[in-house]
Protein backbone atom coordinates (compact mmCIF):
# COMPACT_ATOMS: atom_id res chain seq x y z
CA SER A 1 32.50 166.16 81.37
CA VAL A 2 28.96 165.18 80.48
CA LEU A 3 28.59 163.92 76.92
CA THR A 4 25.85 165.01 74.55
CA ARG A 5 23.19 162.59 73.35
CA GLU A 6 24.71 162.64 69.83
CA GLU A 7 28.20 161.78 71.15
CA LEU A 8 26.86 158.91 73.21
CA GLU A 9 24.79 157.41 70.40
CA LYS A 10 27.76 157.66 68.03
CA GLU A 11 29.91 155.57 70.41
CA ASP A 12 27.22 153.30 71.82
CA ASP A 13 24.63 151.33 69.87
CA THR A 14 22.10 151.63 72.72
CA PRO A 15 19.66 154.44 71.87
CA PHE A 16 18.60 157.06 74.38
CA VAL A 17 15.60 155.58 76.23
CA PRO A 18 13.06 158.05 77.64
CA ILE A 19 12.37 156.96 81.22
CA LYS A 20 9.82 158.12 83.78
CA PHE A 21 10.51 156.85 87.28
CA ASP A 22 9.02 158.26 90.47
CA ASP A 23 9.55 162.02 90.59
CA LEU A 24 12.77 161.87 88.58
CA LEU A 25 13.21 163.81 85.39
CA VAL A 26 15.93 162.34 83.16
CA ILE A 27 18.29 165.04 81.95
CA GLU A 28 20.80 163.08 79.87
CA ARG A 29 22.78 159.89 79.59
CA ILE A 30 26.18 160.24 81.26
CA SER A 31 27.77 156.81 80.76
CA ARG A 32 28.96 154.58 77.93
CA ALA A 33 29.32 151.56 80.20
CA LYS A 34 27.69 148.18 79.69
CA PHE A 35 24.54 149.55 81.38
CA SER A 36 23.42 153.09 80.64
CA VAL A 37 23.56 155.62 83.45
CA TYR A 38 21.44 158.74 83.29
CA LEU A 39 21.65 162.00 85.19
CA ALA A 40 18.23 162.69 86.69
CA LYS A 41 16.78 165.42 88.88
CA SER A 42 14.01 165.07 91.43
CA THR A 43 11.06 167.34 90.80
CA THR A 44 10.29 167.15 94.54
CA ASN A 45 13.58 167.82 96.35
CA HIS A 46 15.53 169.20 93.33
CA LYS A 47 18.53 166.96 94.02
CA PHE A 48 20.50 165.13 91.33
CA TYR A 49 20.60 161.35 91.03
CA ALA A 50 22.33 158.73 88.91
CA MET A 51 19.85 156.29 87.37
CA LYS A 52 21.35 153.01 86.15
CA ILE A 53 19.29 151.00 83.66
CA PHE A 54 19.40 147.21 83.29
CA PRO A 55 17.52 145.75 80.28
CA PHE A 56 15.76 142.47 80.94
CA GLU A 57 17.40 139.26 79.74
CA GLY A 58 14.46 137.88 77.78
CA ASP A 59 11.65 137.86 80.37
CA GLU A 60 14.03 137.66 83.34
CA LEU A 61 15.61 140.28 85.57
CA ASN A 62 19.18 141.04 84.59
CA GLN A 63 21.71 139.13 86.74
CA PHE A 64 23.89 142.23 87.13
CA TYR A 65 20.89 144.13 88.52
CA LEU A 66 20.15 141.33 90.98
CA ASN A 67 23.77 141.41 92.12
CA GLU A 68 23.76 145.19 92.66
CA ILE A 69 20.51 145.32 94.66
CA ARG A 70 21.92 142.73 97.07
CA PHE A 71 24.02 145.59 98.45
CA ALA A 72 21.24 148.19 98.49
CA ASP A 73 21.02 148.27 102.30
CA LEU A 74 24.78 148.33 102.92
CA GLN A 75 25.83 151.38 104.93
CA HIS A 76 29.45 152.61 104.88
CA PRO A 77 30.97 156.11 104.61
CA ASN A 78 32.97 155.19 101.48
CA ILE A 79 30.03 153.65 99.59
CA VAL A 80 27.40 155.55 97.63
CA VAL A 81 24.18 153.89 98.74
CA SER A 82 21.23 153.27 96.47
CA SER A 83 18.22 155.47 97.13
CA LYS A 84 15.66 153.24 95.46
CA HIS A 85 15.22 150.58 92.84
CA GLN A 86 12.44 148.99 90.84
CA ASP A 87 12.55 145.48 89.43
CA GLU A 88 10.36 146.10 86.39
CA LEU A 89 9.62 149.35 84.63
CA PRO A 90 8.09 149.53 81.15
CA THR A 91 9.46 152.22 78.85
CA SER A 92 7.77 154.23 76.12
CA ASN A 93 9.29 151.92 73.48
CA ASN A 94 7.96 148.73 75.18
CA MET A 95 11.30 147.61 76.65
CA LYS A 96 11.27 146.05 80.10
CA ILE A 97 14.02 147.41 82.33
CA SER A 98 15.11 147.47 85.96
CA VAL A 99 16.21 150.73 87.56
CA LEU A 100 18.72 151.47 90.33
CA VAL A 101 18.93 155.05 91.63
CA THR A 102 21.77 156.53 93.71
CA PRO A 103 22.60 160.08 94.73
CA PHE A 104 24.68 161.71 92.01
CA VAL A 105 28.20 162.30 93.33
CA PRO A 106 30.58 163.92 90.85
CA HIS A 107 33.97 162.18 90.78
CA ASN A 108 35.92 165.05 92.31
CA GLU A 109 33.45 165.49 95.21
CA PHE A 110 33.69 161.80 96.09
CA LEU A 111 37.49 161.93 96.18
CA MET A 112 37.47 165.03 98.38
CA GLN A 113 35.43 163.14 101.01
CA LEU A 114 37.92 160.25 101.25
């Protein structure tokens, strides 16, 4: 189930970061992992996406982000492919982040396709 903002901030010391990227409207944070993942909806095609955020390491791109975008063009039926990414995106609180966007696939839908 999707967690509320209050539940996530109680468990995770990373605050909710308002993000504007392309035509995506961030709905809520859905992950407590090392890198925050947000549920977002396109204002153009009305589809849902998962938006993974990688804070910069000082003034450098995060190494985990660089590793993940290496596979951005990989095509395979059992892999959720990235839709888009951006190396540097300033936020409203002056953080520098990188963004990786994939189609949102709920866990049970992914398993049904296998």
